[in-house]
Amino acid sequence: MPETFRAIAPGRVNLIGDHTDYTGGLVFPMAIDRSTVIEFSESNVVDLVSGDVEGDGWLRYVEAVRRLVPGARGVSGRVSTSIPIGAGLSSSAALEVASALAFGYAGSAVDLAVLCRQAEHDATGVPCGIMDQLCIAAGQAGRATMIDCRTLDVTHVPVPDSVRVVVRFVASRTLEGSEYATRVAECAAAEAAVGPLRDASLRDVAGIGDERVRRRAVHVVSENARVRSFASALASYDFGLAGEIMLEGHRSLVENFEVSTSAMDRVVREMAETPGVYGARMTGGGFGGCVVALCDPEARVDGWVVTAADGARLERC
């Protein structure tokens, strides 16, 4: 019988740093203990099925990856996933990364992420950043990944055992058909006015004439600062401050970037008011998805407890 392999790619949750990656900013996600798995053997053709995902729309991501992997091998097998689809936990990026490994890609984590981001662009037309793919490729168990999206440097930051990360699903979303591409264009307009937002100050962006573009820029500049502050607070075990930073980030996503929803705002308030919850915010691209909360281990809060997991890998079955 042909040898069987397993390509495993985790989902991810972003703790702080949303809508900063496509301007070369800072992000602070972690790979999570929910994953997409492709169990396969080599074949002369590509023959993959899935019992976890309805329809065949997922195949366009697989095909986009296959076209980019040099000398991609044929594979025959099954795709399974424990990542909720449309929840903002990077199910598509996990599928892309797992597919690249299954097709035989053996480059570095950064190169793997770059290839899979291009596949996402090709499959959806959405100009996403690189956070999802790089976090999934480079994750480490017990650690979040602080990513500099300009240099693609990754710093692994321990997530203390004395805190829990809880994710609550609110509503399905997709970046296709959302205003995600509009936000990318608005940030590009801001950069045309003041230069790279990664290097800009709040004083710099205060002079942007278009009020809407100015608010987008205010979010990006302040969010980059929040990533640094959050990482410092987490390292210092100052979970109260870390939670305040999360809530501040959510307010900016609501008021300055306008990517939240009333349902997500309600869940953020409910979770933040729960005893033992330090802070909460929407996570991911917005327009639906999930809320993430930083909690005391004893807090009674609805949602999935997620832990920081290892990144993508290929195993023999």
C-alpha atoms as a PDB file:
ATOM      1  CA  MET A   1       0.000   0.000   0.000  1.00  0.00           C
ATOM      2  CA  PRO A   2       1.221   3.551  -0.685  1.00  0.00           C
ATOM      3  CA  GLU A   3       2.637   5.451   2.270  1.00  0.00           C
ATOM      4  CA  THR A   4       0.160   7.790   3.956  1.00  0.00           C
ATOM      5  CA  PHE A   5       0.944  11.271   5.260  1.00  0.00           C
ATOM      6  CA  ARG A   6      -0.861  13.891   7.267  1.00  0.00           C
ATOM      7  CA  ALA A   7      -0.510  17.650   6.558  1.00  0.00           C
ATOM      8  CA  ILE A   8      -1.681  19.594   9.616  1.00  0.00           C
ATOM      9  CA  ALA A   9      -2.300  23.348   9.778  1.00  0.00           C
ATOM     10  CA  PRO A  10      -3.833  25.086  12.813  1.00  0.00           C
ATOM     11  CA  GLY A  11      -6.307  27.918  12.829  1.00  0.00           C
ATOM     12  CA  ARG A  12      -5.375  31.186  14.468  1.00  0.00           C
ATOM     13  CA  VAL A  13      -6.887  33.840  16.700  1.00  0.00           C
ATOM     14  CA  ASN A  14      -5.568  37.383  16.736  1.00  0.00           C
ATOM     15  CA  LEU A  15      -5.254  38.810  20.237  1.00  0.00           C
ATOM     16  CA  ILE A  16      -4.443  42.370  19.117  1.00  0.00           C
ATOM     17  CA  GLY A  17      -3.360  44.076  15.905  1.00  0.00           C
ATOM     18  CA  ASP A  18      -6.189  43.964  13.376  1.00  0.00           C
ATOM     19  CA  HIS A  19      -6.038  45.635   9.966  1.00  0.00           C
ATOM     20  CA  THR A  20      -2.365  46.465  10.391  1.00  0.00           C
ATOM     21  CA  ASP A  21      -0.741  43.630   8.451  1.00  0.00           C
ATOM     22  CA  TYR A  22      -1.391  44.949   4.951  1.00  0.00           C
ATOM     23  CA  THR A  23       0.377  48.219   5.819  1.00  0.00           C
ATOM     24  CA  GLY A  24       3.452  46.445   7.174  1.00  0.00           C
ATOM     25  CA  GLY A  25       2.397  46.846  10.790  1.00  0.00           C
ATOM     26  CA  LEU A  26       2.521  44.707  13.927  1.00  0.00           C
ATOM     27  CA  VAL A  27       0.166  41.866  14.829  1.00  0.00           C
ATOM     28  CA  PHE A  28      -0.126  39.505  17.798  1.00  0.00           C
ATOM     29  CA  PRO A  29      -1.948  36.285  16.846  1.00  0.00           C
ATOM     30  CA  MET A  30      -1.508  32.743  18.066  1.00  0.00           C
ATOM     31  CA  ALA A  31      -1.991  29.413  16.338  1.00  0.00           C
ATOM     32  CA  ILE A  32      -4.746  27.460  18.091  1.00  0.00           C
ATOM     33  CA  ASP A  33      -5.581  23.866  18.913  1.00  0.00           C
ATOM     34  CA  ARG A  34      -8.144  23.550  16.124  1.00  0.00           C
ATOM     35  CA  SER A  35      -6.772  22.490  12.781  1.00  0.00           C
ATOM     36  CA  THR A  36      -7.274  21.412   9.205  1.00  0.00           C
ATOM     37  CA  VAL A  37      -5.805  18.026   8.306  1.00  0.00           C
ATOM     38  CA  ILE A  38      -5.188  16.544   4.874  1.00  0.00           C
ATOM     39  CA  GLU A  39      -4.542  12.812   5.138  1.00  0.00           C
ATOM     40  CA  PHE A  40      -3.200  11.643   1.809  1.00  0.00           C
ATOM     41  CA  SER A  41      -1.005   9.387  -0.245  1.00  0.00           C
ATOM     42  CA  GLU A  42       0.891  10.362  -3.374  1.00  0.00           C
ATOM     43  CA  SER A  43      -0.988   9.928  -6.622  1.00  0.00           C
ATOM     44  CA  ASN A  44      -0.828  10.743 -10.309  1.00  0.00           C
ATOM     45  CA  VAL A  45      -3.775  13.112  -9.914  1.00  0.00           C
ATOM     46  CA  VAL A  46      -5.239  15.456  -7.305  1.00  0.00           C
ATOM     47  CA  ASP A  47      -8.220  13.716  -5.713  1.00  0.00           C
ATOM     48  CA  LEU A  48      -9.321  15.247  -2.407  1.00  0.00           C
ATOM     49  CA  VAL A  49     -12.691  14.977  -0.686  1.00  0.00           C
ATOM     50  CA  SER A  50     -14.085  16.457   2.516  1.00  0.00           C
ATOM     51  CA  GLY A  51     -16.939  15.439   4.753  1.00  0.00           C
ATOM     52  CA  ASP A  52     -16.622  18.542   6.949  1.00  0.00           C
ATOM     53  CA  VAL A  53     -17.250  21.297   4.410  1.00  0.00           C
ATOM     54  CA  GLU A  54     -20.397  21.584   2.304  1.00  0.00           C
ATOM     55  CA  GLY A  55     -20.066  22.147  -1.424  1.00  0.00           C
ATOM     56  CA  ASP A  56     -16.844  22.324  -3.372  1.00  0.00           C
ATOM     57  CA  GLY A  57     -15.924  26.007  -2.990  1.00  0.00           C
ATOM     58  CA  TRP A  58     -12.957  25.031  -0.824  1.00  0.00           C
ATOM     59  CA  LEU A  59     -11.328  23.368  -3.818  1.00  0.00           C
ATOM     60  CA  ARG A  60     -10.498  26.754  -5.365  1.00  0.00           C
ATOM     61  CA  TYR A  61      -8.068  27.402  -2.487  1.00  0.00           C
ATOM     62  CA  VAL A  62      -6.456  24.012  -3.029  1.00  0.00           C
ATOM     63  CA  GLU A  63      -6.144  24.623  -6.761  1.00  0.00           C
ATOM     64  CA  ALA A  64      -4.716  28.123  -6.229  1.00  0.00           C
ATOM     65  CA  VAL A  65      -2.015  26.623  -4.008  1.00  0.00           C
ATOM     66  CA  ARG A  66      -1.295  23.772  -6.415  1.00  0.00           C
ATOM     67  CA  ARG A  67      -0.628  26.234  -9.233  1.00  0.00           C
ATOM     68  CA  LEU A  68       1.991  28.014  -7.115  1.00  0.00           C
ATOM     69  CA  VAL A  69       3.883  25.024  -5.679  1.00  0.00           C
ATOM     70  CA  PRO A  70       6.819  24.183  -7.974  1.00  0.00           C
ATOM     71  CA  GLY A  71       6.596  20.568  -9.129  1.00  0.00           C
ATOM     72  CA  ALA A  72       3.461  19.939  -7.073  1.00  0.00           C
ATOM     73  CA  ARG A  73       2.865  16.223  -6.617  1.00  0.00           C
ATOM     74  CA  GLY A  74      -0.468  14.549  -7.057  1.00  0.00           C
ATOM     75  CA  VAL A  75      -2.290  13.594  -3.868  1.00  0.00           C
ATOM     76  CA  SER A  76      -5.275  11.432  -3.054  1.00  0.00           C
ATOM     77  CA  GLY A  77      -6.985  11.726   0.298  1.00  0.00           C
ATOM     78  CA  ARG A  78      -9.416  13.420   2.649  1.00  0.00           C
ATOM     79  CA  VAL A  79      -9.620  16.908   4.136  1.00  0.00           C
ATOM     80  CA  SER A  80     -11.030  17.313   7.645  1.00  0.00           C
ATOM     81  CA  THR A  81     -11.199  20.361   9.878  1.00  0.00           C
ATOM     82  CA  SER A  82     -12.126  21.345  13.420  1.00  0.00           C
ATOM     83  CA  ILE A  83     -11.900  25.061  12.546  1.00  0.00           C
ATOM     84  CA  PRO A  84     -15.376  26.599  12.226  1.00  0.00           C
ATOM     85  CA  ILE A  85     -15.893  27.930   8.698  1.00  0.00           C
ATOM     86  CA  GLY A  86     -16.628  31.658   8.481  1.00  0.00           C
ATOM     87  CA  ALA A  87     -15.739  32.300  12.120  1.00  0.00           C
ATOM     88  CA  GLY A  88     -12.713  34.498  11.472  1.00  0.00           C
ATOM     89  CA  LEU A  89     -10.292  31.831  12.716  1.00  0.00           C
ATOM     90  CA  SER A  90      -8.481  31.468   9.377  1.00  0.00           C
ATOM     91  CA  SER A  91     -10.008  28.281   8.046  1.00  0.00           C
ATOM     92  CA  SER A  92      -9.053  29.267   4.494  1.00  0.00           C
ATOM     93  CA  ALA A  93      -5.435  30.063   5.396  1.00  0.00           C
ATOM     94  CA  ALA A  94      -5.143  26.753   7.255  1.00  0.00           C
ATOM     95  CA  LEU A  95      -6.422  24.907   4.188  1.00  0.00           C
ATOM     96  CA  GLU A  96      -3.916  26.744   2.002  1.00  0.00           C
ATOM     97  CA  VAL A  97      -0.963  25.949   4.247  1.00  0.00           C
ATOM     98  CA  ALA A  98      -1.959  22.298   4.659  1.00  0.00           C
ATOM     99  CA  SER A  99      -2.414  22.016   0.891  1.00  0.00           C
ATOM    100  CA  ALA A 100       1.049  23.435   0.200  1.00  0.00           C
ATOM    101  CA  LEU A 101       2.628  20.878   2.528  1.00  0.00           C
ATOM    102  CA  ALA A 102       0.615  18.074   0.962  1.00  0.00           C
ATOM    103  CA  PHE A 103       1.741  19.139  -2.506  1.00  0.00           C
ATOM    104  CA  GLY A 104       5.351  18.854  -1.366  1.00  0.00           C
ATOM    105  CA  TYR A 105       6.326  22.445  -0.618  1.00  0.00           C
ATOM    106  CA  ALA A 106       9.389  22.421   1.635  1.00  0.00           C
ATOM    107  CA  GLY A 107      10.371  26.085   1.933  1.00  0.00           C
ATOM    108  CA  SER A 108      10.766  28.133   5.104  1.00  0.00           C
ATOM    109  CA  ALA A 109       7.799  29.241   7.197  1.00  0.00           C
ATOM    110  CA  VAL A 110       8.069  32.726   5.703  1.00  0.00           C
ATOM    111  CA  ASP A 111       8.242  31.431   2.132  1.00  0.00           C
ATOM    112  CA  LEU A 112       5.329  29.100   2.824  1.00  0.00           C
ATOM    113  CA  ALA A 113       3.276  32.017   4.154  1.00  0.00           C
ATOM    114  CA  VAL A 114       4.115  34.234   1.178  1.00  0.00           C
ATOM    115  CA  LEU A 115       3.060  31.505  -1.260  1.00  0.00           C
ATOM    116  CA  CYS A 116      -0.204  30.855   0.559  1.00  0.00           C
ATOM    117  CA  ARG A 117      -1.061  34.543   0.819  1.00  0.00           C
ATOM    118  CA  GLN A 118      -0.701  34.772  -2.953  1.00  0.00           C
ATOM    119  CA  ALA A 119      -2.963  31.750  -3.295  1.00  0.00           C
ATOM    120  CA  GLU A 120      -5.594  33.527  -1.181  1.00  0.00           C
ATOM    121  CA  HIS A 121      -5.340  36.581  -3.420  1.00  0.00           C
ATOM    122  CA  ASP A 122      -5.698  34.388  -6.504  1.00  0.00           C
ATOM    123  CA  ALA A 123      -8.625  32.382  -5.124  1.00  0.00           C
ATOM    124  CA  THR A 124     -10.699  35.253  -3.746  1.00  0.00           C
ATOM    125  CA  GLY A 125      -9.440  38.530  -5.160  1.00  0.00           C
ATOM    126  CA  VAL A 126      -9.238  39.860  -1.592  1.00  0.00           C
ATOM    127  CA  PRO A 127      -5.988  41.794  -0.916  1.00  0.00           C
ATOM    128  CA  CYS A 128      -5.328  40.237   2.503  1.00  0.00           C
ATOM    129  CA  GLY A 129      -2.171  40.681   4.539  1.00  0.00           C
ATOM    130  CA  ILE A 130       0.172  37.915   5.620  1.00  0.00           C
ATOM    131  CA  MET A 131      -0.717  37.554   9.303  1.00  0.00           C
ATOM    132  CA  ASP A 132      -2.897  34.453   9.020  1.00  0.00           C
ATOM    133  CA  GLN A 133      -0.590  32.379   6.871  1.00  0.00           C
ATOM    134  CA  LEU A 134       2.586  33.295   8.763  1.00  0.00           C
ATOM    135  CA  CYS A 135       1.074  32.664  12.194  1.00  0.00           C
ATOM    136  CA  ILE A 136      -0.165  29.268  10.997  1.00  0.00           C
ATOM    137  CA  ALA A 137       3.198  28.387   9.455  1.00  0.00           C
ATOM    138  CA  ALA A 138       5.353  29.598  12.356  1.00  0.00           C
ATOM    139  CA  GLY A 139       3.262  28.941  15.477  1.00  0.00           C
ATOM    140  CA  GLN A 140       4.702  27.409  18.633  1.00  0.00           C
ATOM    141  CA  ALA A 141       2.818  25.607  21.393  1.00  0.00           C
ATOM    142  CA  GLY A 142       2.327  27.787  24.451  1.00  0.00           C
ATOM    143  CA  ARG A 143       3.360  30.965  22.636  1.00  0.00           C
ATOM    144  CA  ALA A 144       1.733  33.729  20.660  1.00  0.00           C
ATOM    145  CA  THR A 145       3.463  35.074  17.564  1.00  0.00           C
ATOM    146  CA  MET A 146       4.256  38.767  17.415  1.00  0.00           C
ATOM    147  CA  ILE A 147       4.815  39.421  13.721  1.00  0.00           C
ATOM    148  CA  ASP A 148       6.427  42.428  12.094  1.00  0.00           C
ATOM    149  CA  CYS A 149       4.575  42.409   8.785  1.00  0.00           C
ATOM    150  CA  ARG A 150       7.143  44.663   7.127  1.00  0.00           C
ATOM    151  CA  THR A 151      10.212  42.528   7.837  1.00  0.00           C
ATOM    152  CA  LEU A 152       8.270  39.261   8.426  1.00  0.00           C
ATOM    153  CA  ASP A 153      10.247  38.758  11.635  1.00  0.00           C
ATOM    154  CA  VAL A 154       8.443  36.552  14.153  1.00  0.00           C
ATOM    155  CA  THR A 155       8.888  36.811  17.933  1.00  0.00           C
ATOM    156  CA  HIS A 156       7.371  34.009  19.997  1.00  0.00           C
ATOM    157  CA  VAL A 157       5.874  35.336  23.231  1.00  0.00           C
ATOM    158  CA  PRO A 158       4.820  32.925  26.018  1.00  0.00           C
ATOM    159  CA  VAL A 159       1.134  32.913  26.928  1.00  0.00           C
ATOM    160  CA  PRO A 160       1.115  32.507  30.732  1.00  0.00           C
ATOM    161  CA  ASP A 161      -0.638  29.470  32.196  1.00  0.00           C
ATOM    162  CA  SER A 162      -2.408  31.827  34.605  1.00  0.00           C
ATOM    163  CA  VAL A 163      -4.620  33.237  31.857  1.00  0.00           C
ATOM    164  CA  ARG A 164      -7.083  31.713  29.400  1.00  0.00           C
ATOM    165  CA  VAL A 165      -8.016  32.754  25.885  1.00  0.00           C
ATOM    166  CA  VAL A 166     -11.706  32.244  25.118  1.00  0.00           C
ATOM    167  CA  VAL A 167     -13.298  32.650  21.693  1.00  0.00           C
ATOM    168  CA  ARG A 168     -17.035  33.076  21.149  1.00  0.00           C
ATOM    169  CA  PHE A 169     -18.548  32.715  17.702  1.00  0.00           C
ATOM    170  CA  VAL A 170     -20.985  35.495  16.812  1.00  0.00           C
ATOM    171  CA  ALA A 171     -21.887  35.276  13.122  1.00  0.00           C
ATOM    172  CA  SER A 172     -20.531  33.807   9.914  1.00  0.00           C
ATOM    173  CA  ARG A 173     -18.656  36.158   7.653  1.00  0.00           C
ATOM    174  CA  THR A 174     -16.594  36.196   4.506  1.00  0.00           C
ATOM    175  CA  LEU A 175     -14.168  38.861   3.378  1.00  0.00           C
ATOM    176  CA  GLU A 176     -15.445  38.481  -0.160  1.00  0.00           C
ATOM    177  CA  GLY A 177     -18.321  40.884  -0.626  1.00  0.00           C
ATOM    178  CA  SER A 178     -17.431  42.732   2.583  1.00  0.00           C
ATOM    179  CA  GLU A 179     -15.813  46.156   2.765  1.00  0.00           C
ATOM    180  CA  TYR A 180     -12.405  44.634   3.499  1.00  0.00           C
ATOM    181  CA  ALA A 181     -10.963  45.669   0.130  1.00  0.00           C
ATOM    182  CA  THR A 182     -12.348  49.159   0.678  1.00  0.00           C
ATOM    183  CA  ARG A 183     -10.439  49.421   3.962  1.00  0.00           C
ATOM    184  CA  VAL A 184      -7.253  48.339   2.198  1.00  0.00           C
ATOM    185  CA  ALA A 185      -7.804  51.075  -0.398  1.00  0.00           C
ATOM    186  CA  GLU A 186      -8.501  53.669   2.303  1.00  0.00           C
ATOM    187  CA  CYS A 187      -5.262  52.780   4.070  1.00  0.00           C
ATOM    188  CA  ALA A 188      -3.429  53.079   0.757  1.00  0.00           C
ATOM    189  CA  ALA A 189      -4.922  56.549   0.359  1.00  0.00           C
ATOM    190  CA  ALA A 190      -3.672  57.461   3.831  1.00  0.00           C
ATOM    191  CA  GLU A 191      -0.184  56.249   2.948  1.00  0.00           C
ATOM    192  CA  ALA A 192      -0.253  58.277  -0.260  1.00  0.00           C
ATOM    193  CA  ALA A 193      -0.834  61.328   1.919  1.00  0.00           C
ATOM    194  CA  VAL A 194       1.622  60.756   4.784  1.00  0.00           C
ATOM    195  CA  GLY A 195       3.891  57.867   3.805  1.00  0.00           C
ATOM    196  CA  PRO A 196       4.001  54.412   5.425  1.00  0.00           C
ATOM    197  CA  LEU A 197       1.540  54.196   8.322  1.00  0.00           C
ATOM    198  CA  ARG A 198       4.019  51.948  10.106  1.00  0.00           C
ATOM    199  CA  ASP A 199       6.290  54.998  10.470  1.00  0.00           C
ATOM    200  CA  ALA A 200       3.577  57.612  11.018  1.00  0.00           C
ATOM    201  CA  SER A 201       2.516  59.281  14.254  1.00  0.00           C
ATOM    202  CA  LEU A 202      -0.942  60.429  15.286  1.00  0.00           C
ATOM    203  CA  ARG A 203       0.250  63.972  14.634  1.00  0.00           C
ATOM    204  CA  ASP A 204       1.194  62.977  11.078  1.00  0.00           C
ATOM    205  CA  VAL A 205      -2.193  61.493  10.261  1.00  0.00           C
ATOM    206  CA  ALA A 206      -4.123  64.327  11.922  1.00  0.00           C
ATOM    207  CA  GLY A 207      -3.422  66.390   8.812  1.00  0.00           C
ATOM    208  CA  ILE A 208      -5.134  63.998   6.375  1.00  0.00           C
ATOM    209  CA  GLY A 209      -7.928  65.970   4.720  1.00  0.00           C
ATOM    210  CA  ASP A 210     -10.435  63.190   4.100  1.00  0.00           C
ATOM    211  CA  GLU A 211     -12.113  62.542   7.460  1.00  0.00           C
ATOM    212  CA  ARG A 212     -12.865  58.897   6.739  1.00  0.00           C
ATOM    213  CA  VAL A 213      -9.338  58.136   5.542  1.00  0.00           C
ATOM    214  CA  ARG A 214      -7.965  59.987   8.566  1.00  0.00           C
ATOM    215  CA  ARG A 215      -9.922  57.783  10.966  1.00  0.00           C
ATOM    216  CA  ARG A 216      -8.672  54.650   9.225  1.00  0.00           C
ATOM    217  CA  ALA A 217      -5.109  55.905   9.641  1.00  0.00           C
ATOM    218  CA  VAL A 218      -5.675  56.783  13.304  1.00  0.00           C
ATOM    219  CA  HIS A 219      -6.715  53.189  13.925  1.00  0.00           C
ATOM    220  CA  VAL A 220      -3.675  51.698  12.215  1.00  0.00           C
ATOM    221  CA  VAL A 221      -1.165  53.974  13.954  1.00  0.00           C
ATOM    222  CA  SER A 222      -2.736  53.502  17.390  1.00  0.00           C
ATOM    223  CA  GLU A 223      -3.185  49.750  16.867  1.00  0.00           C
ATOM    224  CA  ASN A 224       0.520  49.285  16.155  1.00  0.00           C
ATOM    225  CA  ALA A 225       1.226  50.984  19.482  1.00  0.00           C
ATOM    226  CA  ARG A 226      -1.330  48.754  21.197  1.00  0.00           C
ATOM    227  CA  VAL A 227       0.424  45.617  19.949  1.00  0.00           C
ATOM    228  CA  ARG A 228       3.655  46.682  21.653  1.00  0.00           C
ATOM    229  CA  SER A 229       1.825  47.646  24.840  1.00  0.00           C
ATOM    230  CA  PHE A 230      -0.158  44.399  24.915  1.00  0.00           C
ATOM    231  CA  ALA A 231       2.971  42.278  24.459  1.00  0.00           C
ATOM    232  CA  SER A 232       4.640  44.132  27.325  1.00  0.00           C
ATOM    233  CA  ALA A 233       1.595  43.770  29.592  1.00  0.00           C
ATOM    234  CA  LEU A 234       1.315  40.043  28.888  1.00  0.00           C
ATOM    235  CA  ALA A 235       5.015  39.509  29.581  1.00  0.00           C
ATOM    236  CA  SER A 236       4.616  41.409  32.873  1.00  0.00           C
ATOM    237  CA  TYR A 237       1.549  39.342  33.878  1.00  0.00           C
ATOM    238  CA  ASP A 238      -0.453  42.587  33.966  1.00  0.00           C
ATOM    239  CA  PHE A 239      -3.603  40.998  32.600  1.00  0.00           C
ATOM    240  CA  GLY A 240      -5.786  43.896  33.700  1.00  0.00           C
ATOM    241  CA  LEU A 241      -3.807  46.275  31.504  1.00  0.00           C
ATOM    242  CA  ALA A 242      -3.752  43.755  28.649  1.00  0.00           C
ATOM    243  CA  GLY A 243      -7.542  43.551  28.844  1.00  0.00           C
ATOM    244  CA  GLU A 244      -7.904  47.335  28.806  1.00  0.00           C
ATOM    245  CA  ILE A 245      -5.748  47.448  25.670  1.00  0.00           C
ATOM    246  CA  MET A 246      -8.014  44.874  24.004  1.00  0.00           C
ATOM    247  CA  LEU A 247     -11.103  46.946  24.803  1.00  0.00           C
ATOM    248  CA  GLU A 248      -9.407  50.088  23.528  1.00  0.00           C
ATOM    249  CA  GLY A 249      -8.561  48.264  20.309  1.00  0.00           C
ATOM    250  CA  HIS A 250     -12.165  47.168  19.896  1.00  0.00           C
ATOM    251  CA  ARG A 251     -13.402  50.741  20.331  1.00  0.00           C
ATOM    252  CA  SER A 252     -11.042  51.826  17.573  1.00  0.00           C
ATOM    253  CA  LEU A 253     -12.272  49.054  15.276  1.00  0.00           C
ATOM    254  CA  VAL A 254     -15.821  50.287  15.931  1.00  0.00           C
ATOM    255  CA  GLU A 255     -15.306  54.048  15.746  1.00  0.00           C
ATOM    256  CA  ASN A 256     -12.287  54.538  13.502  1.00  0.00           C
ATOM    257  CA  PHE A 257     -12.227  51.479  11.255  1.00  0.00           C
ATOM    258  CA  GLU A 258     -15.944  50.599  11.237  1.00  0.00           C
ATOM    259  CA  VAL A 259     -15.572  46.847  10.789  1.00  0.00           C
ATOM    260  CA  SER A 260     -17.516  45.583  13.800  1.00  0.00           C
ATOM    261  CA  THR A 261     -21.225  44.813  14.006  1.00  0.00           C
ATOM    262  CA  SER A 262     -23.864  45.537  16.633  1.00  0.00           C
ATOM    263  CA  ALA A 263     -23.995  41.837  17.510  1.00  0.00           C
ATOM    264  CA  MET A 264     -20.239  41.696  18.030  1.00  0.00           C
ATOM    265  CA  ASP A 265     -20.296  44.877  20.106  1.00  0.00           C
ATOM    266  CA  ARG A 266     -22.984  43.368  22.336  1.00  0.00           C
ATOM    267  CA  VAL A 267     -20.944  40.198  22.892  1.00  0.00           C
ATOM    268  CA  VAL A 268     -17.821  42.233  23.677  1.00  0.00           C
ATOM    269  CA  ARG A 269     -19.771  44.148  26.329  1.00  0.00           C
ATOM    270  CA  GLU A 270     -21.260  40.972  27.802  1.00  0.00           C
ATOM    271  CA  MET A 271     -17.916  39.217  27.996  1.00  0.00           C
ATOM    272  CA  ALA A 272     -16.065  42.248  29.356  1.00  0.00           C
ATOM    273  CA  GLU A 273     -18.649  42.616  32.141  1.00  0.00           C
ATOM    274  CA  THR A 274     -18.283  38.967  33.206  1.00  0.00           C
ATOM    275  CA  PRO A 275     -16.330  38.521  36.475  1.00  0.00           C
ATOM    276  CA  GLY A 276     -12.834  37.259  35.758  1.00  0.00           C
ATOM    277  CA  VAL A 277     -12.718  38.559  32.182  1.00  0.00           C
ATOM    278  CA  TYR A 278      -9.889  41.064  31.742  1.00  0.00           C
ATOM    279  CA  GLY A 279     -10.880  42.283  28.293  1.00  0.00           C
ATOM    280  CA  ALA A 280     -12.492  41.339  24.993  1.00  0.00           C
ATOM    281  CA  ARG A 281     -12.549  42.457  21.370  1.00  0.00           C
ATOM    282  CA  MET A 282     -13.622  41.378  17.927  1.00  0.00           C
ATOM    283  CA  THR A 283     -10.905  39.434  16.175  1.00  0.00           C
ATOM    284  CA  GLY A 284      -9.961  39.095  12.531  1.00  0.00           C
ATOM    285  CA  GLY A 285     -11.133  41.023   9.499  1.00  0.00           C
ATOM    286  CA  GLY A 286     -14.487  41.967  10.998  1.00  0.00           C
ATOM    287  CA  PHE A 287     -18.000  42.118   9.508  1.00  0.00           C
ATOM    288  CA  GLY A 288     -18.857  39.093  11.668  1.00  0.00           C
ATOM    289  CA  GLY A 289     -16.774  36.248  13.004  1.00  0.00           C
ATOM    290  CA  CYS A 290     -15.636  35.862  16.598  1.00  0.00           C
ATOM    291  CA  VAL A 291     -14.938  37.772  19.773  1.00  0.00           C
ATOM    292  CA  VAL A 292     -11.818  36.879  21.759  1.00  0.00           C
ATOM    293  CA  ALA A 293     -11.467  37.405  25.504  1.00  0.00           C
ATOM    294  CA  LEU A 294      -8.572  37.248  27.957  1.00  0.00           C
ATOM    295  CA  CYS A 295      -9.792  35.566  31.130  1.00  0.00           C
ATOM    296  CA  ASP A 296      -8.885  34.260  34.546  1.00  0.00           C
ATOM    297  CA  PRO A 297      -8.932  30.436  34.421  1.00  0.00           C
ATOM    298  CA  GLU A 298     -11.842  30.408  36.885  1.00  0.00           C
ATOM    299  CA  ALA A 299     -14.014  32.825  34.900  1.00  0.00           C
ATOM    300  CA  ARG A 300     -17.363  31.408  33.827  1.00  0.00           C
ATOM    301  CA  VAL A 301     -17.702  32.624  30.271  1.00  0.00           C
ATOM    302  CA  ASP A 302     -19.366  31.015  27.268  1.00  0.00           C
ATOM    303  CA  GLY A 303     -17.103  30.124  24.371  1.00  0.00           C
ATOM    304  CA  TRP A 304     -14.239  27.876  23.310  1.00  0.00           C
ATOM    305  CA  VAL A 305     -11.096  27.844  25.397  1.00  0.00           C
ATOM    306  CA  VAL A 306      -8.244  27.812  22.881  1.00  0.00           C
ATOM    307  CA  THR A 307      -4.581  27.205  23.583  1.00  0.00           C
ATOM    308  CA  ALA A 308      -1.502  28.217  21.634  1.00  0.00           C
ATOM    309  CA  ALA A 309      -0.517  25.362  19.333  1.00  0.00           C
ATOM    310  CA  ASP A 310       2.373  24.349  17.118  1.00  0.00           C
ATOM    311  CA  GLY A 311       2.397  25.562  13.544  1.00  0.00           C
ATOM    312  CA  ALA A 312       1.886  23.603  10.344  1.00  0.00           C
ATOM    313  CA  ARG A 313       3.708  20.336   9.842  1.00  0.00           C
ATOM    314  CA  LEU A 314       3.830  17.160   7.773  1.00  0.00           C
ATOM    315  CA  GLU A 315       3.709  13.769   9.492  1.00  0.00           C
ATOM    316  CA  ARG A 316       3.756  10.146   8.452  1.00  0.00           C
ATOM    317  CA  CYS A 317       0.605   8.341   9.503  1.00  0.00           C
END
